[in-house]
N, C-alpha and C. Protein backbone atom coordinates (compact mmCIF):
# COMPACT_ATOMS: atom_id res chain seq x y z
N UNK A 1 35.22 -2.06 54.96
CA UNK A 1 34.25 -2.64 54.01
C UNK A 1 33.88 -1.51 53.03
N UNK A 2 33.71 -1.87 51.78
CA UNK A 2 33.41 -0.89 50.64
C UNK A 2 31.94 -0.69 50.51
N UNK A 3 31.05 -1.50 50.98
CA UNK A 3 29.69 -1.43 50.68
C UNK A 3 28.87 -0.27 51.15
N UNK A 4 27.79 0.02 50.48
CA UNK A 4 27.04 0.92 50.84
C UNK A 4 25.71 0.27 51.56
N UNK A 5 25.86 0.26 52.89
CA UNK A 5 24.92 -0.49 53.74
C UNK A 5 23.36 -0.14 53.43
N UNK A 6 23.13 1.01 52.83
CA UNK A 6 21.79 1.46 52.56
C UNK A 6 21.16 0.59 51.51
N UNK A 7 22.03 -0.04 50.57
CA UNK A 7 21.55 -0.86 49.51
C UNK A 7 21.32 -2.21 50.00
N UNK A 8 20.53 -3.05 49.47
CA UNK A 8 20.35 -4.36 49.89
C UNK A 8 21.45 -5.21 49.36
N UNK A 9 21.75 -6.29 49.81
CA UNK A 9 22.87 -7.17 49.29
C UNK A 9 22.45 -7.73 47.87
N UNK A 10 23.51 -8.10 47.15
CA UNK A 10 23.30 -8.57 45.86
C UNK A 10 22.73 -10.09 45.85
N UNK A 11 23.09 -10.78 46.84
CA UNK A 11 22.49 -12.20 46.95
C UNK A 11 21.07 -12.17 47.68
N UNK A 12 20.19 -12.78 47.10
CA UNK A 12 18.92 -13.03 47.88
C UNK A 12 19.01 -14.32 48.64
N UNK A 13 18.04 -14.69 49.35
CA UNK A 13 18.01 -15.93 50.11
C UNK A 13 18.30 -17.11 49.19
N UNK A 14 17.64 -17.18 48.15
CA UNK A 14 17.73 -18.42 47.27
C UNK A 14 19.02 -18.63 46.89
N UNK A 15 19.59 -17.55 46.30
CA UNK A 15 21.02 -17.52 45.79
C UNK A 15 22.08 -17.87 46.88
N UNK A 16 21.85 -17.19 48.13
CA UNK A 16 22.75 -17.47 49.07
C UNK A 16 22.59 -18.93 49.56
N UNK A 17 21.48 -19.49 49.56
CA UNK A 17 21.36 -21.02 49.93
C UNK A 17 22.08 -21.82 48.82
N UNK A 18 21.80 -21.59 47.41
CA UNK A 18 22.35 -22.31 46.38
C UNK A 18 23.66 -22.32 46.38
N UNK A 19 24.50 -21.35 46.70
CA UNK A 19 25.85 -21.45 46.44
C UNK A 19 26.71 -22.10 47.64
N UNK A 20 25.82 -22.56 48.75
CA UNK A 20 26.50 -23.29 49.73
C UNK A 20 26.28 -24.78 49.79
N UNK A 21 25.56 -25.27 48.77
CA UNK A 21 25.18 -26.73 48.92
C UNK A 21 25.24 -27.29 47.30
N UNK A 22 25.63 -28.58 47.21
CA UNK A 22 25.65 -29.32 46.04
C UNK A 22 26.35 -28.74 44.83
N UNK A 23 27.26 -27.84 45.16
CA UNK A 23 27.98 -27.15 44.07
C UNK A 23 29.50 -27.40 43.96
N UNK A 24 29.92 -27.11 42.86
CA UNK A 24 31.53 -26.98 42.63
C UNK A 24 31.74 -25.44 42.53
N UNK A 25 33.10 -25.26 43.05
CA UNK A 25 33.38 -23.74 43.23
C UNK A 25 34.81 -23.59 42.69
N UNK A 26 35.05 -22.67 41.69
CA UNK A 26 36.37 -22.36 41.36
C UNK A 26 36.48 -20.82 41.64
N UNK A 27 37.78 -20.50 41.89
CA UNK A 27 38.22 -19.20 42.34
C UNK A 27 39.25 -18.75 41.44
N UNK A 28 39.13 -17.49 40.89
CA UNK A 28 40.12 -16.91 39.95
C UNK A 28 40.67 -15.66 40.52
N UNK A 29 41.86 -15.52 40.17
CA UNK A 29 42.56 -14.20 40.51
C UNK A 29 43.41 -13.82 39.37
N UNK A 30 44.19 -12.55 39.58
CA UNK A 30 45.05 -12.34 38.46
C UNK A 30 46.25 -11.55 39.20
N UNK A 31 47.32 -11.71 38.41
CA UNK A 31 48.59 -11.04 38.95
C UNK A 31 48.71 -9.62 38.48
N UNK A 32 49.92 -8.99 38.81
CA UNK A 32 50.10 -7.65 38.30
C UNK A 32 50.09 -7.50 36.82
N UNK A 33 50.28 -8.59 36.04
CA UNK A 33 50.46 -8.47 34.57
C UNK A 33 49.08 -8.96 34.05
N UNK A 34 48.13 -9.07 34.73
CA UNK A 34 46.65 -9.60 34.52
C UNK A 34 46.76 -11.05 33.91
N UNK A 35 47.68 -11.82 34.46
CA UNK A 35 47.57 -13.37 34.08
C UNK A 35 46.90 -14.03 35.21
N UNK A 36 45.89 -14.80 34.67
CA UNK A 36 45.06 -15.55 35.64
C UNK A 36 45.75 -16.70 36.28
N UNK A 37 45.09 -16.95 37.45
CA UNK A 37 45.32 -18.19 38.27
C UNK A 37 44.02 -18.59 38.75
N UNK A 38 43.75 -19.96 38.75
CA UNK A 38 42.37 -20.53 39.05
C UNK A 38 42.75 -21.72 40.07
N UNK A 39 41.87 -21.90 41.06
CA UNK A 39 41.98 -23.08 41.92
C UNK A 39 40.56 -23.42 42.24
N UNK A 40 40.36 -24.59 42.82
CA UNK A 40 39.10 -25.08 43.21
C UNK A 40 38.97 -24.73 44.76
N UNK A 41 37.74 -24.34 45.27
CA UNK A 41 37.56 -24.07 46.69
C UNK A 41 36.96 -25.22 47.28
N UNK A 42 37.09 -25.45 48.48
CA UNK A 42 36.55 -26.56 49.26
C UNK A 42 35.22 -26.12 50.04
N UNK A 43 34.53 -25.21 49.31
CA UNK A 43 33.21 -24.75 49.89
C UNK A 43 33.21 -23.44 50.21
N UNK A 44 31.89 -22.80 50.69
CA UNK A 44 31.89 -21.53 51.05
C UNK A 44 30.81 -21.44 51.97
N UNK A 45 30.67 -20.16 52.60
CA UNK A 45 29.65 -19.74 53.43
C UNK A 45 29.25 -18.41 53.12
N UNK A 46 27.96 -17.98 53.53
CA UNK A 46 27.48 -16.60 53.20
C UNK A 46 27.12 -16.08 54.65
N UNK A 47 27.45 -14.84 54.85
CA UNK A 47 27.12 -14.18 56.03
C UNK A 47 25.51 -14.06 56.44
N UNK A 48 25.16 -14.03 57.47
CA UNK A 48 23.74 -13.83 57.79
C UNK A 48 23.16 -12.62 56.96
N UNK A 49 23.74 -11.59 56.86
CA UNK A 49 23.19 -10.59 56.08
C UNK A 49 23.32 -10.64 54.54
N UNK A 50 24.00 -11.57 54.12
CA UNK A 50 24.09 -12.04 52.66
C UNK A 50 24.99 -11.01 51.97
N UNK A 51 25.82 -10.30 52.81
CA UNK A 51 26.74 -9.29 52.10
C UNK A 51 28.12 -9.72 51.90
N UNK A 52 28.53 -10.83 52.72
CA UNK A 52 29.87 -11.30 52.58
C UNK A 52 29.88 -12.87 52.25
N UNK A 53 30.85 -13.30 51.39
CA UNK A 53 30.90 -14.62 50.97
C UNK A 53 32.41 -15.04 51.39
N UNK A 54 32.49 -16.18 51.96
CA UNK A 54 33.79 -16.66 52.40
C UNK A 54 34.06 -18.14 51.61
N UNK A 55 35.07 -18.14 50.98
CA UNK A 55 35.56 -19.40 50.19
C UNK A 55 36.69 -20.05 50.96
N UNK A 56 36.86 -21.41 50.91
CA UNK A 56 37.89 -22.11 51.62
C UNK A 56 38.88 -22.51 50.67
N UNK A 57 40.07 -22.08 50.71
CA UNK A 57 41.15 -22.43 49.71
C UNK A 57 42.33 -23.07 50.50
N UNK A 58 42.74 -24.11 49.80
CA UNK A 58 43.96 -24.85 50.29
C UNK A 58 45.27 -23.95 50.04
N UNK A 59 46.07 -23.82 51.24
CA UNK A 59 47.35 -23.28 51.10
C UNK A 59 48.28 -24.10 50.07
N UNK A 60 48.13 -25.28 49.96
CA UNK A 60 48.99 -26.09 49.03
C UNK A 60 48.56 -25.83 47.69
N UNK A 61 47.26 -26.12 47.41
CA UNK A 61 46.86 -26.07 45.92
C UNK A 61 46.49 -24.59 45.42
N UNK A 62 46.31 -23.80 46.22
CA UNK A 62 45.99 -22.35 45.87
C UNK A 62 46.94 -21.36 46.14
N UNK A 63 48.28 -21.72 46.15
CA UNK A 63 49.31 -20.67 46.46
C UNK A 63 49.19 -19.58 45.45
N UNK A 64 49.18 -19.81 44.25
CA UNK A 64 49.36 -18.64 43.30
C UNK A 64 48.04 -17.65 43.43
N UNK A 65 46.79 -18.37 43.62
CA UNK A 65 45.69 -17.59 43.74
C UNK A 65 45.77 -16.70 44.98
N UNK A 66 46.20 -17.44 46.08
CA UNK A 66 46.36 -16.67 47.35
C UNK A 66 47.44 -15.47 47.23
N UNK A 67 48.46 -15.73 46.52
CA UNK A 67 49.41 -14.61 46.33
C UNK A 67 48.75 -13.51 45.72
N UNK A 68 48.02 -13.71 44.58
CA UNK A 68 47.29 -12.80 43.79
C UNK A 68 46.29 -11.97 44.61
N UNK A 69 45.61 -12.83 45.45
CA UNK A 69 44.50 -12.17 46.17
C UNK A 69 45.15 -11.13 47.23
N UNK A 70 46.30 -11.61 47.80
CA UNK A 70 47.02 -10.61 48.79
C UNK A 70 47.46 -9.52 48.07
N UNK A 71 47.85 -9.70 46.81
CA UNK A 71 48.63 -8.52 46.19
C UNK A 71 47.51 -7.47 45.79
N UNK A 72 46.51 -7.85 45.08
CA UNK A 72 45.58 -6.93 44.39
C UNK A 72 44.06 -7.06 44.89
N UNK A 73 43.74 -8.19 45.52
CA UNK A 73 42.38 -8.49 46.04
C UNK A 73 41.27 -8.67 45.04
N UNK A 74 41.53 -8.64 43.85
CA UNK A 74 40.47 -8.91 42.75
C UNK A 74 40.18 -10.32 42.76
N UNK A 75 38.84 -10.71 42.90
CA UNK A 75 38.49 -12.17 43.03
C UNK A 75 37.21 -12.37 42.16
N UNK A 76 37.31 -13.63 41.48
CA UNK A 76 36.12 -14.06 40.72
C UNK A 76 35.77 -15.46 41.08
N UNK A 77 34.51 -15.61 41.46
CA UNK A 77 34.15 -17.02 41.96
C UNK A 77 33.14 -17.60 41.14
N UNK A 78 33.19 -18.75 40.57
CA UNK A 78 32.07 -19.33 39.63
C UNK A 78 31.61 -20.66 40.55
N UNK A 79 30.31 -20.57 40.61
CA UNK A 79 29.66 -21.64 41.53
C UNK A 79 28.68 -22.30 40.58
N UNK A 80 28.67 -23.71 40.53
CA UNK A 80 27.78 -24.36 39.47
C UNK A 80 27.36 -25.54 40.19
N UNK A 81 26.11 -26.10 39.87
CA UNK A 81 25.52 -27.28 40.38
C UNK A 81 25.58 -28.14 39.11
N UNK A 82 26.24 -29.40 39.22
CA UNK A 82 26.55 -30.24 38.04
C UNK A 82 25.28 -30.81 37.52
N UNK A 83 24.20 -31.19 38.26
CA UNK A 83 23.04 -31.89 37.66
C UNK A 83 22.21 -30.96 36.87
N UNK A 84 22.15 -29.69 37.19
CA UNK A 84 21.54 -28.84 36.43
C UNK A 84 22.03 -27.67 35.70
N UNK A 85 23.42 -27.63 35.94
CA UNK A 85 24.24 -26.61 35.15
C UNK A 85 23.91 -25.14 35.64
N UNK A 86 23.02 -25.03 36.68
CA UNK A 86 22.84 -23.65 37.17
C UNK A 86 24.14 -23.06 37.69
N UNK A 87 24.47 -21.84 37.41
CA UNK A 87 25.76 -21.35 37.63
C UNK A 87 25.71 -19.93 37.97
N UNK A 88 26.26 -19.39 38.97
CA UNK A 88 26.49 -17.96 39.23
C UNK A 88 27.90 -17.57 39.26
N UNK A 89 28.23 -16.31 38.93
CA UNK A 89 29.57 -15.86 38.98
C UNK A 89 29.40 -14.60 39.91
N UNK A 90 30.34 -14.59 40.92
CA UNK A 90 30.48 -13.50 41.88
C UNK A 90 31.82 -12.80 41.60
N UNK A 91 31.86 -11.47 41.62
CA UNK A 91 33.20 -10.76 41.56
C UNK A 91 33.17 -9.77 42.66
N UNK A 92 34.25 -9.50 43.17
CA UNK A 92 34.39 -8.54 44.22
C UNK A 92 35.88 -8.34 44.60
N UNK A 93 36.14 -7.75 45.75
CA UNK A 93 37.37 -7.35 46.28
C UNK A 93 37.56 -8.21 47.70
N UNK A 94 38.66 -8.79 47.86
CA UNK A 94 38.92 -9.54 49.23
C UNK A 94 38.96 -8.55 50.28
N UNK A 95 38.22 -8.83 51.31
CA UNK A 95 38.20 -8.06 52.66
C UNK A 95 39.25 -8.63 53.62
N UNK A 96 39.26 -9.90 53.61
CA UNK A 96 40.35 -10.61 54.50
C UNK A 96 40.61 -12.02 54.21
N UNK A 97 41.82 -12.45 54.51
CA UNK A 97 42.26 -13.83 54.34
C UNK A 97 42.61 -14.23 55.75
N UNK A 98 42.10 -15.26 56.27
CA UNK A 98 42.37 -15.58 57.76
C UNK A 98 42.29 -17.25 57.86
N UNK A 99 42.87 -17.64 58.98
CA UNK A 99 42.83 -19.10 59.28
C UNK A 99 41.25 -19.53 59.49
N UNK A 100 41.07 -20.82 59.24
CA UNK A 100 39.77 -21.33 59.41
C UNK A 100 39.39 -21.36 60.81
N UNK A 101 38.11 -21.05 61.06
CA UNK A 101 37.36 -21.24 62.47
C UNK A 101 36.90 -22.55 62.48
N UNK A 102 36.43 -22.95 63.61
CA UNK A 102 35.75 -24.30 63.66
C UNK A 102 34.56 -24.43 62.82
N UNK A 103 33.71 -23.28 62.90
CA UNK A 103 32.43 -23.27 61.98
C UNK A 103 32.82 -23.25 60.47
N UNK A 104 34.02 -22.75 60.19
CA UNK A 104 34.42 -22.91 58.67
C UNK A 104 34.81 -24.30 58.31
N UNK A 105 35.33 -25.04 59.33
CA UNK A 105 35.67 -26.57 59.01
C UNK A 105 34.39 -27.24 58.93
N UNK A 106 33.41 -26.87 59.67
CA UNK A 106 32.09 -27.68 59.75
C UNK A 106 31.43 -27.27 58.33
N UNK A 107 31.60 -26.10 57.86
CA UNK A 107 30.94 -25.64 56.55
C UNK A 107 31.63 -26.34 55.52
N UNK A 108 33.02 -26.54 55.53
CA UNK A 108 33.61 -27.17 54.43
C UNK A 108 33.26 -28.64 54.48
N UNK A 109 33.14 -29.33 55.65
CA UNK A 109 32.69 -30.72 55.54
C UNK A 109 31.40 -30.96 55.02
N UNK A 110 30.42 -29.97 55.30
CA UNK A 110 28.97 -29.95 54.86
C UNK A 110 29.04 -29.81 53.20
N UNK A 111 29.72 -28.77 52.86
CA UNK A 111 29.92 -28.51 51.34
C UNK A 111 30.37 -29.77 50.60
N UNK A 112 31.41 -30.36 51.14
CA UNK A 112 31.99 -31.49 50.46
C UNK A 112 31.01 -32.69 50.55
N UNK A 113 30.32 -32.92 51.64
CA UNK A 113 29.34 -33.99 51.66
C UNK A 113 28.18 -33.71 50.67
N UNK A 114 27.66 -32.44 50.60
CA UNK A 114 26.51 -32.29 49.70
C UNK A 114 27.08 -32.24 48.17
N UNK A 115 28.33 -32.01 47.80
CA UNK A 115 28.74 -32.04 46.56
C UNK A 115 28.75 -33.54 46.28
N UNK A 116 29.38 -34.48 47.01
CA UNK A 116 29.47 -35.85 46.92
C UNK A 116 28.02 -36.42 46.59
N UNK A 117 27.12 -36.04 47.34
CA UNK A 117 25.60 -36.36 47.18
C UNK A 117 25.14 -35.99 45.83
N UNK A 118 25.46 -34.78 45.47
CA UNK A 118 25.03 -34.31 44.10
C UNK A 118 25.57 -35.14 42.98
N UNK A 119 26.86 -35.56 43.05
CA UNK A 119 27.43 -36.36 41.99
C UNK A 119 26.87 -37.85 42.04
N UNK A 120 26.65 -38.21 43.29
CA UNK A 120 26.06 -39.54 43.60
C UNK A 120 24.55 -39.67 42.83
N UNK A 121 23.82 -38.47 43.07
CA UNK A 121 22.55 -38.34 42.44
C UNK A 121 22.55 -38.28 40.91
N UNK A 122 23.71 -37.90 40.32
CA UNK A 122 23.78 -37.86 38.95
C UNK A 122 24.29 -39.16 38.38
N UNK A 123 24.43 -40.30 39.35
CA UNK A 123 24.81 -41.53 38.77
C UNK A 123 26.15 -41.93 38.97
N UNK A 124 27.04 -41.14 39.74
CA UNK A 124 28.37 -41.46 39.87
C UNK A 124 28.57 -42.19 41.14
N UNK A 125 29.37 -43.17 41.38
CA UNK A 125 29.49 -43.95 42.69
C UNK A 125 30.16 -42.92 43.63
N UNK A 126 29.84 -43.23 45.02
CA UNK A 126 30.29 -42.45 46.10
C UNK A 126 31.77 -42.51 46.05
N UNK A 127 32.51 -43.45 45.64
CA UNK A 127 33.92 -43.58 45.60
C UNK A 127 34.51 -42.63 44.67
N UNK A 128 33.86 -42.61 43.43
CA UNK A 128 34.35 -41.64 42.38
C UNK A 128 34.01 -40.16 42.82
N UNK A 129 32.72 -39.90 43.30
CA UNK A 129 32.34 -38.67 43.76
C UNK A 129 33.21 -38.08 44.82
N UNK A 130 33.72 -39.01 45.71
CA UNK A 130 34.59 -38.65 46.79
C UNK A 130 36.00 -38.18 46.22
N UNK A 131 36.37 -38.85 45.26
CA UNK A 131 37.60 -38.52 44.53
C UNK A 131 37.53 -37.13 43.81
N UNK A 132 36.48 -36.93 43.26
CA UNK A 132 36.42 -35.77 42.45
C UNK A 132 36.15 -34.44 43.47
N UNK A 133 35.54 -34.72 44.58
CA UNK A 133 35.17 -33.73 45.52
C UNK A 133 36.47 -33.38 46.22
N UNK A 134 37.40 -34.30 46.27
CA UNK A 134 38.79 -34.07 46.76
C UNK A 134 38.73 -33.93 48.28
N UNK A 135 39.91 -34.30 48.78
CA UNK A 135 40.13 -34.22 50.26
C UNK A 135 40.75 -32.69 50.42
N UNK A 136 40.61 -32.17 51.53
CA UNK A 136 41.23 -30.91 51.89
C UNK A 136 42.85 -31.33 51.82
N UNK A 137 43.61 -30.47 51.03
CA UNK A 137 45.02 -30.55 50.84
C UNK A 137 45.77 -29.63 51.72
N UNK A 138 46.16 -30.09 52.83
CA UNK A 138 46.92 -29.26 53.60
C UNK A 138 46.13 -28.31 54.38
N UNK A 139 46.72 -27.27 54.97
CA UNK A 139 45.98 -26.22 55.75
C UNK A 139 45.07 -25.42 54.63
N UNK A 140 43.99 -24.95 55.06
CA UNK A 140 43.15 -24.02 54.35
C UNK A 140 42.95 -22.72 54.96
N UNK A 141 42.64 -21.81 54.11
CA UNK A 141 42.44 -20.44 54.65
C UNK A 141 40.97 -19.98 54.30
N UNK A 142 40.42 -19.09 54.94
CA UNK A 142 39.05 -18.51 54.66
C UNK A 142 39.28 -17.20 54.03
N UNK A 143 38.89 -17.04 52.80
CA UNK A 143 38.90 -15.86 51.98
C UNK A 143 37.59 -15.11 51.85
N UNK A 144 37.47 -13.92 52.46
CA UNK A 144 36.24 -13.25 52.60
C UNK A 144 36.09 -12.14 51.67
N UNK A 145 34.95 -11.98 50.96
CA UNK A 145 34.96 -10.89 49.94
C UNK A 145 33.33 -10.48 50.02
N UNK A 146 33.20 -9.17 49.58
CA UNK A 146 31.85 -8.65 49.49
C UNK A 146 31.58 -8.59 47.80
N UNK A 147 30.61 -9.36 47.33
CA UNK A 147 30.32 -9.36 45.99
C UNK A 147 29.95 -7.97 45.44
N UNK A 148 30.73 -7.37 44.57
CA UNK A 148 30.31 -6.18 43.95
C UNK A 148 29.45 -6.35 42.67
N UNK A 149 29.49 -7.56 42.21
CA UNK A 149 28.68 -7.93 41.07
C UNK A 149 28.33 -9.43 40.98
N UNK A 150 27.19 -9.75 40.57
CA UNK A 150 26.82 -11.29 40.43
C UNK A 150 26.18 -11.31 39.17
N UNK A 151 26.58 -12.47 38.46
CA UNK A 151 26.02 -12.80 37.04
C UNK A 151 25.53 -14.14 36.96
N UNK A 152 24.46 -14.20 36.37
CA UNK A 152 23.78 -15.52 35.99
C UNK A 152 24.70 -16.26 34.86
N UNK A 153 25.21 -17.38 35.11
CA UNK A 153 26.04 -18.01 33.84
C UNK A 153 25.49 -19.48 33.58
N UNK A 154 24.24 -19.63 33.96
CA UNK A 154 23.55 -20.86 33.72
C UNK A 154 23.41 -20.84 32.14
N UNK A 155 23.71 -21.93 31.35
CA UNK A 155 23.54 -21.94 29.96
C UNK A 155 22.09 -21.52 29.50
N UNK A 156 21.90 -20.72 28.51
CA UNK A 156 20.52 -20.34 28.16
C UNK A 156 20.37 -18.84 27.90
N UNK A 157 19.26 -18.41 27.57
CA UNK A 157 19.14 -16.92 27.19
C UNK A 157 19.30 -15.94 28.39
N UNK A 158 19.43 -16.41 29.56
CA UNK A 158 19.79 -15.41 30.58
C UNK A 158 21.26 -15.41 31.04
N UNK A 159 22.09 -16.22 30.27
CA UNK A 159 23.60 -16.28 30.66
C UNK A 159 24.05 -14.87 30.42
N UNK A 160 24.79 -14.53 31.39
CA UNK A 160 25.58 -13.25 31.39
C UNK A 160 24.72 -12.00 32.02
N UNK A 161 23.54 -12.26 32.43
CA UNK A 161 22.63 -11.30 32.89
C UNK A 161 23.14 -10.96 34.38
N UNK A 162 23.33 -9.64 34.66
CA UNK A 162 23.74 -9.25 35.96
C UNK A 162 22.58 -9.11 36.99
N UNK A 163 22.83 -9.72 38.01
CA UNK A 163 21.76 -9.63 39.17
C UNK A 163 21.87 -8.40 39.83
N UNK A 164 20.81 -7.72 40.17
CA UNK A 164 20.63 -6.52 40.89
C UNK A 164 20.34 -6.78 42.37
N UNK A 165 20.64 -5.79 43.24
CA UNK A 165 20.39 -5.93 44.69
C UNK A 165 19.00 -6.20 44.95
N UNK A 166 18.88 -7.15 46.06
CA UNK A 166 17.56 -7.53 46.27
C UNK A 166 17.40 -7.36 47.84
N UNK A 167 16.12 -7.02 48.29
CA UNK A 167 15.92 -6.90 49.79
C UNK A 167 15.79 -8.29 50.39
């Protein structure tokens, strides 16, 4: 791990809770020529100490992203809530890519259900919301990284503001 454990994590409790529920998640990586690849994640979880974030990626849909992450480890994750447009961007370096644990599968199910509820709250039918949320496509992997920077990307005057470590 690359972190300085004497510094507090970049995510506070509120942001850690935010990124795990009612959100859509996109993951970006780049190849050796700096060409981007983007995929949708099936949810995420944050470690108890708020230092590590794990996103769940389909091996079928995210093949290019996973190859790039294995190659250079550079990851960017954009997490947004559709009804409020509240959005955070996290950047970091991948620490590990591993098969899903039982708790990861539970977290994926909870993330999908909360996203469907979010879309339903916005007036979309559960059928439509379920289609947008997608079903897990094939096997998934857990991609864990430590955010080295976090940015507010919510539209408005604070967009682009870098968040500092918080106790």
